[in-house]
Amino acid sequence: WSKWSATGPEILEYIKHCARKYDIYQHIRFNAAVSQASWQDNHWAVRTADGEELQAQFVISAMGGLHTPNIPKIDGLDNFTGPVFHTSNWQHDIDMKAKRVAVIGTGATAVQCVPELAKEVAELYVFQRSPVWVGPKSDPVYSEEEKQAFRDDPNKLHQHRWTLWRNWETTGLDMVRAGSDINTLSERRARELIARSVQSPELAAKLTPEYNFTCKRPTFSNDYYATYEKPNVHLLTSPIEAISASSISCDGVELDVDVVVLATGFKPFNITNEVDIYGSGGVALSQLWQDRISSYKSMMVPGLPNFFFMLGPNSGGLTSILQMIERQSDYIMRTLEMMQVKHASTIAPKQVAADAFCERVQQATAKTTHNKGCSSWWADEQGYNHSIWPESSITYKMLLKHVDWNDFEVAYAAGATQ
């Protein structure tokens, strides 16, 4: 890697490299959106958007937790005649130079794209509903000597990776404890960053949240706050009143705009926004999740036989998401292997086991700063956490260490002995 936090193109090229190295492309069907999956007695019928239907004994949703863009309902948005796109579907063919661009939202995505847009657009209007904590980012560049040392001694590379992971893991856990040293320090550093970056007291006040550093998802950047000092960048904190074919009205002022960028986040951890899923008895997952999104160990749902989620409800957090993915893929494989050994044909978690897991998550969440004094995508309107994992990745690893057969409703193949 070129530095601690590699750039997007660098990460993408690494992913492509892995796909080539391990011959993954042969197993992937691109541009094949799944529209429906339904359980038919002993198998899943999976239908694609173009009408093709496939059968499978098992289904693994690897859609992740943040995949459905949250498109705001703003009066007149559909009437805007210029380009409008969500940050998850960035339109790279649009030349932003000399354009008047509006960014709606100031979450983690805006922290990434606002400083970059400000470098090339004529005018940048950022519409903020609530400010976000942004801490200073430690992002050293690796020298050629360091890279060569890693090549010469793989153990040195592994030790370095272990140190980075350990520091982030412990920092993330301590950071979400109210009054902890790291929580207090992190907020103080963010306040100092605002003070160093912004000269105007009025602007600084608009950029400073009134909630705890980890009530919402904090972000890290060395240039986000400073970007608002640029003469072509304008922070607007009043609600958008309306959008016309070529302008946005805010606080009684009509602003001419060429492009609208929606940095408005996602509808978290609910794949029913994208795919219709029907389990045993034809019961829809959307119905099972009508009141609350819940799961068994973030990976399975009662009533959905042989269905697994990768990064399902409560998979995220302030730890590395790769740690969660690795643990879940390992657990799924061990479950399938155990089914093969026991000659089991179907498996689904018992409701009591799923309820116990969800209760554990809520109790652990109550001990954190999450959603204390604010609202965010980390929880629903009732404060129920269905999005993030409130403990360590080590704790989650231990939770998945064993496949507890007693937690499942199991059907066996004909003639099999239990």
Protein backbone atom coordinates (compact mmCIF):
# COMPACT_ATOMS: atom_id res chain seq x y z
CA TRP A 1 0.00 0.00 0.00
CA SER A 2 1.10 3.56 -0.58
CA LYS A 3 0.01 4.70 2.90
CA TRP A 4 -1.97 3.65 5.96
CA SER A 5 -5.32 4.60 4.42
CA ALA A 6 -5.00 3.65 0.78
CA THR A 7 -6.94 5.50 -1.90
CA GLY A 8 -10.07 4.13 -3.55
CA PRO A 9 -8.42 3.29 -6.91
CA GLU A 10 -5.61 1.49 -5.09
CA ILE A 11 -8.05 -0.63 -3.08
CA LEU A 12 -10.11 -1.41 -6.18
CA GLU A 13 -7.04 -2.56 -8.08
CA TYR A 14 -6.10 -4.81 -5.15
CA ILE A 15 -9.58 -6.39 -5.19
CA LYS A 16 -9.30 -7.01 -8.93
CA HIS A 17 -5.84 -8.49 -8.39
CA CYS A 18 -7.25 -10.95 -5.84
CA ALA A 19 -10.10 -11.88 -8.19
CA ARG A 20 -7.58 -12.66 -10.93
CA LYS A 21 -5.14 -14.44 -8.63
CA TYR A 22 -7.77 -16.79 -7.19
CA ASP A 23 -9.71 -17.17 -10.46
CA ILE A 24 -12.90 -15.70 -9.03
CA TYR A 25 -14.18 -14.11 -12.24
CA GLN A 26 -15.34 -17.47 -13.60
CA HIS A 27 -17.85 -17.72 -10.74
CA ILE A 28 -19.32 -14.22 -11.10
CA ARG A 29 -22.24 -13.24 -13.30
CA PHE A 30 -22.16 -9.49 -13.75
CA ASN A 31 -25.23 -7.34 -14.46
CA ALA A 32 -27.47 -10.10 -13.06
CA ALA A 33 -29.62 -8.42 -10.41
CA VAL A 34 -31.66 -10.75 -8.21
CA SER A 35 -35.26 -9.62 -7.75
CA GLN A 36 -36.74 -12.46 -5.69
CA ALA A 37 -35.81 -15.52 -3.63
CA SER A 38 -38.49 -17.88 -2.31
CA TRP A 39 -38.30 -21.12 -0.34
CA GLN A 40 -40.06 -23.95 -2.19
CA ASP A 41 -40.36 -26.94 0.18
CA ASN A 42 -36.72 -28.04 -0.02
CA HIS A 43 -34.88 -25.49 -2.12
CA TRP A 44 -34.61 -21.80 -2.94
CA ALA A 45 -36.05 -20.48 -6.20
CA VAL A 46 -34.00 -17.44 -7.15
CA ARG A 47 -35.31 -15.13 -9.85
CA THR A 48 -33.26 -12.49 -11.64
CA ALA A 49 -34.53 -9.15 -12.88
CA ASP A 50 -34.57 -10.45 -16.49
CA GLY A 51 -36.89 -13.32 -15.54
CA GLU A 52 -34.41 -16.19 -15.28
CA GLU A 53 -35.03 -18.61 -12.40
CA LEU A 54 -32.41 -20.75 -10.68
CA GLN A 55 -32.61 -23.35 -7.93
CA ALA A 56 -30.25 -23.55 -4.96
CA GLN A 57 -30.06 -25.50 -1.73
CA PHE A 58 -28.43 -22.55 0.02
CA VAL A 59 -28.51 -18.80 -0.47
CA ILE A 60 -25.91 -16.39 0.91
CA SER A 61 -26.72 -12.70 0.75
CA ALA A 62 -23.42 -10.90 0.29
CA MET A 63 -25.14 -7.58 -0.35
CA GLY A 64 -23.77 -6.12 2.85
CA GLY A 65 -25.47 -3.63 5.14
CA LEU A 66 -25.14 -0.32 3.33
CA HIS A 67 -26.42 -0.86 -0.19
CA THR A 68 -29.77 0.94 -0.55
CA PRO A 69 -29.28 4.68 -1.10
CA ASN A 70 -31.36 6.91 1.15
CA ILE A 71 -32.91 9.32 -1.33
CA PRO A 72 -34.45 12.27 0.53
CA LYS A 73 -37.98 13.45 -0.20
CA ILE A 74 -37.39 17.07 -1.16
CA ASP A 75 -40.04 19.12 -2.91
CA GLY A 76 -39.07 19.50 -6.56
CA LEU A 77 -36.06 17.16 -6.61
CA ASP A 78 -37.56 15.26 -9.57
CA ASN A 79 -37.96 18.54 -11.45
CA PHE A 80 -34.25 19.35 -11.47
CA THR A 81 -33.03 19.10 -15.07
CA GLY A 82 -29.30 18.85 -14.38
CA PRO A 83 -27.42 15.73 -13.22
CA VAL A 84 -28.63 14.32 -9.87
CA PHE A 85 -26.89 11.32 -8.36
CA HIS A 86 -26.19 9.61 -5.06
CA THR A 87 -22.56 9.28 -4.00
CA SER A 88 -22.83 5.47 -4.22
CA ASN A 89 -23.53 5.85 -7.94
CA TRP A 90 -20.99 8.53 -8.78
CA GLN A 91 -21.25 9.82 -12.33
CA HIS A 92 -17.62 9.90 -13.41
CA ASP A 93 -18.49 11.12 -16.89
CA ILE A 94 -19.67 14.49 -15.57
CA ASP A 95 -17.03 17.20 -15.74
CA MET A 96 -17.37 19.16 -12.51
CA LYS A 97 -14.95 21.90 -13.51
CA ALA A 98 -16.50 25.38 -13.45
CA LYS A 99 -19.82 23.88 -12.35
CA ARG A 100 -22.08 25.08 -9.54
CA VAL A 101 -22.52 21.98 -7.40
CA ALA A 102 -24.82 21.28 -4.46
CA VAL A 103 -23.97 18.55 -1.96
CA ILE A 104 -26.90 17.53 0.22
CA GLY A 105 -25.77 15.87 3.46
CA THR A 106 -22.70 16.04 5.68
CA GLY A 107 -22.11 12.46 6.80
CA ALA A 108 -19.07 10.27 6.22
CA THR A 109 -19.38 10.37 2.42
CA ALA A 110 -19.53 14.16 2.35
CA VAL A 111 -16.38 14.31 4.47
CA GLN A 112 -14.65 12.42 1.67
CA CYS A 113 -16.07 14.16 -1.40
CA VAL A 114 -16.54 17.80 -0.30
CA PRO A 115 -12.79 18.62 -0.10
CA GLU A 116 -12.19 17.01 -3.51
CA LEU A 117 -15.11 18.76 -5.21
CA ALA A 118 -14.02 22.11 -3.78
CA LYS A 119 -10.76 21.85 -5.71
CA GLU A 120 -12.41 21.98 -9.14
CA VAL A 121 -15.96 23.37 -9.01
CA ALA A 122 -16.86 27.04 -9.45
CA GLU A 123 -19.24 27.14 -6.50
CA LEU A 124 -19.95 24.44 -3.92
CA TYR A 125 -23.08 24.62 -1.77
CA VAL A 126 -23.14 22.12 1.12
CA PHE A 127 -26.52 21.62 2.78
CA GLN A 128 -26.09 20.46 6.39
CA ARG A 129 -28.94 19.15 8.53
CA SER A 130 -26.68 18.43 11.48
CA PRO A 131 -22.88 18.76 11.87
CA VAL A 132 -20.56 15.78 12.11
CA TRP A 133 -17.52 15.19 14.30
CA VAL A 134 -14.35 14.94 12.21
CA GLY A 135 -11.10 14.05 13.93
CA PRO A 136 -7.57 14.58 12.58
CA LYS A 137 -6.36 11.71 10.43
CA SER A 138 -3.05 9.96 10.94
CA ASP A 139 -2.15 8.70 7.48
CA PRO A 140 1.61 8.21 7.01
CA VAL A 141 2.98 7.42 3.56
CA TYR A 142 5.17 4.31 3.30
CA SER A 143 8.67 5.05 2.04
CA GLU A 144 10.27 2.85 -0.59
CA GLU A 145 12.63 1.60 2.11
CA GLU A 146 9.70 0.50 4.28
CA LYS A 147 8.03 -1.27 1.37
CA GLN A 148 11.24 -3.11 0.59
CA ALA A 149 11.66 -4.07 4.23
CA PHE A 150 8.15 -5.58 4.18
CA ARG A 151 9.04 -7.56 1.04
CA ASP A 152 12.28 -8.81 2.58
CA ASP A 153 10.71 -9.76 5.89
CA PRO A 154 7.04 -10.83 5.76
CA ASN A 155 7.05 -11.16 9.56
CA LYS A 156 7.72 -7.44 9.81
CA LEU A 157 4.71 -6.77 7.59
CA HIS A 158 2.50 -9.07 9.69
CA GLN A 159 3.67 -7.41 12.90
CA HIS A 160 2.91 -3.98 11.46
CA ARG A 161 -0.57 -5.09 10.42
CA TRP A 162 -1.16 -6.59 13.86
CA THR A 163 -0.12 -3.35 15.55
CA LEU A 164 -2.47 -1.27 13.37
CA TRP A 165 -5.37 -3.62 14.01
CA ARG A 166 -4.74 -3.78 17.77
CA ASN A 167 -4.59 0.00 18.06
CA TRP A 168 -7.79 0.52 16.11
CA GLU A 169 -9.60 -2.27 17.93
CA THR A 170 -8.81 -0.99 21.42
CA THR A 171 -9.34 2.63 20.42
CA GLY A 172 -12.74 1.87 18.92
CA LEU A 173 -13.89 0.06 22.06
CA ASP A 174 -12.70 2.76 24.45
CA MET A 175 -14.02 5.53 22.24
CA VAL A 176 -17.66 4.51 22.71
CA ARG A 177 -17.51 4.60 26.50
CA ALA A 178 -18.86 7.88 27.85
CA GLY A 179 -16.26 9.76 29.84
CA SER A 180 -13.39 7.48 28.83
CA ASP A 181 -10.01 9.07 28.23
CA ILE A 182 -10.03 8.28 24.50
CA ASN A 183 -13.60 9.54 24.08
CA THR A 184 -12.75 12.82 25.78
CA LEU A 185 -9.45 13.10 23.92
CA SER A 186 -11.07 12.39 20.54
CA GLU A 187 -13.68 15.09 20.99
CA ARG A 188 -11.06 17.58 22.19
CA ARG A 189 -8.90 16.88 19.14
CA ALA A 190 -11.89 17.40 16.85
CA ARG A 191 -12.67 20.73 18.54
CA GLU A 192 -9.03 21.76 18.17
CA LEU A 193 -9.13 20.79 14.50
CA ILE A 194 -12.13 23.07 13.99
CA ALA A 195 -10.34 25.90 15.79
CA ARG A 196 -7.20 25.45 13.61
CA SER A 197 -9.15 25.10 10.38
CA VAL A 198 -11.86 27.76 10.63
CA GLN A 199 -11.32 31.45 11.39
CA SER A 200 -14.93 32.60 11.64
CA PRO A 201 -16.53 31.91 15.05
CA GLU A 202 -19.95 31.79 13.38
CA LEU A 203 -18.83 29.17 10.87
CA ALA A 204 -17.04 27.18 13.57
CA ALA A 205 -20.24 27.10 15.62
CA LYS A 206 -22.20 25.74 12.64
CA LEU A 207 -19.65 22.97 12.16
CA THR A 208 -19.52 21.93 15.83
CA PRO A 209 -21.92 19.15 16.92
CA GLU A 210 -23.77 19.35 20.23
CA TYR A 211 -23.58 15.62 20.87
CA ASN A 212 -20.91 13.21 22.11
CA PHE A 213 -18.08 12.30 19.73
CA THR A 214 -19.40 8.76 19.12
CA CYS A 215 -23.13 9.36 19.38
CA LYS A 216 -23.11 9.23 15.58
CA ARG A 217 -20.46 7.72 13.36
CA PRO A 218 -17.34 9.92 13.67
CA THR A 219 -15.08 10.44 10.68
CA PHE A 220 -11.47 11.45 10.11
CA SER A 221 -10.05 14.01 7.70
CA ASN A 222 -7.38 16.69 7.83
CA ASP A 223 -9.00 18.99 5.28
CA TYR A 224 -12.80 18.73 5.66
CA TYR A 225 -13.28 21.64 8.07
CA ALA A 226 -10.66 23.79 6.32
CA THR A 227 -12.50 23.38 3.03
CA TYR A 228 -15.23 25.72 4.29
CA GLU A 229 -12.68 28.53 4.40
CA LYS A 230 -12.41 28.47 0.61
CA PRO A 231 -14.22 31.39 -1.06
CA ASN A 232 -16.13 29.07 -3.42
CA VAL A 233 -17.53 26.85 -0.62
CA HIS A 234 -20.75 27.76 1.17
CA LEU A 235 -22.24 25.96 4.19
CA LEU A 236 -26.03 26.20 4.45
CA THR A 237 -27.74 24.98 7.62
CA SER A 238 -31.35 26.03 6.95
CA PRO A 239 -33.75 23.43 5.50
CA ILE A 240 -34.11 23.23 1.73
CA GLU A 241 -37.42 24.85 0.84
CA ALA A 242 -37.75 23.69 -2.76
CA ILE A 243 -35.83 22.62 -5.85
CA SER A 244 -36.65 23.91 -9.32
CA ALA A 245 -35.34 22.93 -12.73
CA SER A 246 -32.05 24.74 -12.15
CA SER A 247 -31.94 26.06 -8.59
CA ILE A 248 -32.32 25.29 -4.89
CA SER A 249 -34.22 27.60 -2.54
CA CYS A 250 -32.91 27.85 1.01
CA ASP A 251 -33.56 30.46 3.69
CA GLY A 252 -35.41 32.67 1.23
CA VAL A 253 -32.56 32.66 -1.30
CA GLU A 254 -32.64 30.94 -4.70
CA LEU A 255 -29.27 29.43 -5.62
CA ASP A 256 -28.47 28.56 -9.23
CA VAL A 257 -27.09 25.02 -9.40
CA ASP A 258 -25.78 22.81 -12.24
CA VAL A 259 -25.30 19.47 -10.42
CA VAL A 260 -26.86 17.94 -7.29
CA VAL A 261 -24.90 15.33 -5.33
CA LEU A 262 -26.83 13.35 -2.70
CA ALA A 263 -24.49 12.47 0.18
CA THR A 264 -27.47 11.25 2.18
CA GLY A 265 -26.31 7.83 3.28
CA PHE A 266 -28.16 4.53 3.14
CA LYS A 267 -31.12 2.61 4.51
CA PRO A 268 -29.05 0.33 6.74
CA PHE A 269 -29.08 -3.45 6.99
CA ASN A 270 -32.34 -4.25 5.24
CA ILE A 271 -32.00 -6.15 1.98
CA THR A 272 -35.79 -6.24 1.56
CA ASN A 273 -35.42 -2.81 -0.04
CA GLU A 274 -33.78 -4.55 -2.98
CA VAL A 275 -34.92 -8.19 -3.07
CA ASP A 276 -38.25 -9.83 -2.24
CA ILE A 277 -37.51 -12.80 0.02
CA TYR A 278 -40.11 -15.38 1.04
CA GLY A 279 -39.30 -18.07 3.60
CA SER A 280 -41.22 -21.01 5.05
CA GLY A 281 -44.95 -20.85 4.35
CA GLY A 282 -44.44 -17.99 1.93
CA VAL A 283 -43.89 -15.49 4.75
CA ALA A 284 -41.97 -12.46 3.46
CA LEU A 285 -38.82 -11.27 5.19
CA SER A 286 -40.27 -7.76 5.03
CA GLN A 287 -43.13 -9.07 7.16
CA LEU A 288 -40.78 -10.75 9.62
CA TRP A 289 -38.91 -7.44 9.90
CA GLN A 290 -42.04 -5.28 9.92
CA ASP A 291 -41.60 -4.21 13.54
CA ARG A 292 -37.87 -4.68 14.02
CA ILE A 293 -34.93 -5.87 11.98
CA SER A 294 -33.41 -8.76 13.90
CA SER A 295 -31.27 -11.84 13.33
CA TYR A 296 -29.39 -14.74 14.83
CA LYS A 297 -25.73 -13.78 15.19
CA SER A 298 -26.14 -11.24 12.35
CA MET A 299 -26.31 -14.06 9.81
CA MET A 300 -29.61 -15.94 9.92
CA VAL A 301 -33.31 -15.29 10.51
CA PRO A 302 -35.93 -17.73 11.87
CA GLY A 303 -38.22 -18.85 9.07
CA LEU A 304 -35.54 -18.64 6.37
CA PRO A 305 -34.08 -22.16 5.98
CA ASN A 306 -30.58 -22.44 4.53
CA PHE A 307 -30.30 -18.66 4.13
CA PHE A 308 -27.21 -16.78 5.36
CA PHE A 309 -26.39 -13.09 5.52
CA MET A 310 -22.93 -11.65 5.09
CA LEU A 311 -22.83 -8.38 7.01
CA GLY A 312 -26.42 -8.72 8.10
CA PRO A 313 -28.00 -6.77 10.99
CA ASN A 314 -25.53 -5.70 13.69
CA SER A 315 -22.42 -6.53 11.69
CA GLY A 316 -20.86 -3.07 11.49
CA GLY A 317 -19.17 -0.99 14.17
CA LEU A 318 -16.01 0.91 14.94
CA THR A 319 -13.84 -2.12 14.23
CA SER A 320 -12.60 -3.40 10.87
CA ILE A 321 -15.49 -4.74 8.82
CA LEU A 322 -13.07 -7.23 7.26
CA GLN A 323 -12.75 -8.91 10.64
CA MET A 324 -16.50 -9.49 10.66
CA ILE A 325 -16.58 -10.75 7.07
CA GLU A 326 -13.81 -13.28 7.75
CA ARG A 327 -15.53 -14.59 10.86
CA GLN A 328 -18.89 -14.91 9.13
CA SER A 329 -17.54 -16.68 6.03
CA ASP A 330 -15.71 -19.15 8.27
CA TYR A 331 -18.85 -19.77 10.35
CA ILE A 332 -21.00 -20.37 7.27
CA MET A 333 -18.53 -22.90 5.90
CA ARG A 334 -18.35 -24.76 9.21
CA THR A 335 -22.15 -24.85 9.38
CA LEU A 336 -22.40 -26.33 5.89
CA GLU A 337 -19.73 -28.90 6.73
CA MET A 338 -21.57 -29.89 9.91
CA MET A 339 -24.80 -30.28 7.94
CA GLN A 340 -23.00 -32.57 5.53
CA VAL A 341 -21.59 -34.70 8.34
CA LYS A 342 -24.98 -34.95 10.05
CA HIS A 343 -26.84 -35.48 6.75
CA ALA A 344 -29.04 -32.48 7.47
CA SER A 345 -31.01 -31.06 4.56
CA THR A 346 -32.27 -27.77 6.07
CA ILE A 347 -31.37 -25.58 8.99
CA ALA A 348 -32.89 -22.41 10.44
CA PRO A 349 -32.34 -20.70 13.81
CA LYS A 350 -34.90 -21.06 16.58
CA GLN A 351 -36.73 -17.89 17.54
CA VAL A 352 -35.57 -18.15 21.14
CA ALA A 353 -31.93 -18.22 20.00
CA ALA A 354 -32.41 -15.18 17.77
CA ASP A 355 -34.18 -13.31 20.58
CA ALA A 356 -31.30 -14.05 22.97
CA PHE A 357 -28.77 -12.67 20.49
CA CYS A 358 -30.79 -9.49 19.90
CA GLU A 359 -31.21 -8.93 23.63
CA ARG A 360 -27.46 -9.26 24.10
CA VAL A 361 -26.88 -6.63 21.42
CA GLN A 362 -29.31 -4.17 23.00
CA GLN A 363 -27.80 -4.63 26.47
CA ALA A 364 -24.30 -4.05 25.11
CA THR A 365 -25.46 -1.02 23.12
CA ALA A 366 -26.95 0.53 26.27
CA LYS A 367 -23.44 0.67 27.75
CA THR A 368 -22.09 2.74 24.84
CA THR A 369 -22.43 6.37 23.74
CA HIS A 370 -24.28 5.37 20.55
CA ASN A 371 -27.43 7.42 20.03
CA LYS A 372 -27.12 9.09 23.42
CA GLY A 373 -28.40 12.59 22.70
CA CYS A 374 -28.71 12.27 18.94
CA SER A 375 -30.33 10.18 16.23
CA SER A 376 -28.48 8.32 13.51
CA TRP A 377 -28.69 5.34 11.19
CA TRP A 378 -27.20 3.23 13.95
CA ALA A 379 -30.68 2.73 15.43
CA ASP A 380 -34.33 2.96 14.39
CA GLU A 381 -36.78 5.63 15.53
CA GLN A 382 -37.40 3.76 18.79
CA GLY A 383 -33.69 3.59 19.57
CA TYR A 384 -33.43 -0.11 18.72
CA ASN A 385 -29.95 -0.96 17.40
CA HIS A 386 -30.22 -3.18 14.33
CA SER A 387 -27.15 -1.83 12.56
CA ILE A 388 -23.89 -2.05 14.46
CA TRP A 389 -22.01 -4.55 16.60
CA PRO A 390 -21.44 -2.81 19.95
CA GLU A 391 -18.60 -5.06 21.16
CA SER A 392 -15.16 -6.06 19.89
CA SER A 393 -14.39 -8.20 16.86
CA ILE A 394 -12.65 -10.61 19.24
CA THR A 395 -15.91 -11.00 21.17
CA TYR A 396 -17.73 -11.64 17.91
CA LYS A 397 -15.10 -14.19 16.90
CA MET A 398 -15.64 -16.05 20.18
CA LEU A 399 -19.40 -15.90 19.65
CA LEU A 400 -18.94 -17.71 16.33
CA LYS A 401 -16.31 -20.13 17.57
CA HIS A 402 -18.77 -23.03 17.75
CA VAL A 403 -21.84 -23.93 15.72
CA ASP A 404 -24.41 -24.59 18.45
CA TRP A 405 -26.62 -27.28 16.93
CA ASN A 406 -29.23 -26.82 19.67
CA ASP A 407 -29.94 -23.30 18.40
CA PHE A 408 -31.44 -24.62 15.14
CA GLU A 409 -34.53 -26.23 13.74
CA VAL A 410 -33.09 -29.03 11.61
CA ALA A 411 -34.57 -31.33 8.98
CA TYR A 412 -32.62 -34.44 8.02
CA ALA A 413 -32.27 -36.23 4.73
CA ALA A 414 -34.36 -39.37 4.30
CA GLY A 415 -32.77 -42.29 6.13
CA ALA A 416 -30.29 -40.12 8.04
CA THR A 417 -29.68 -40.73 11.75
CA GLN A 418 -29.53 -37.73 14.04
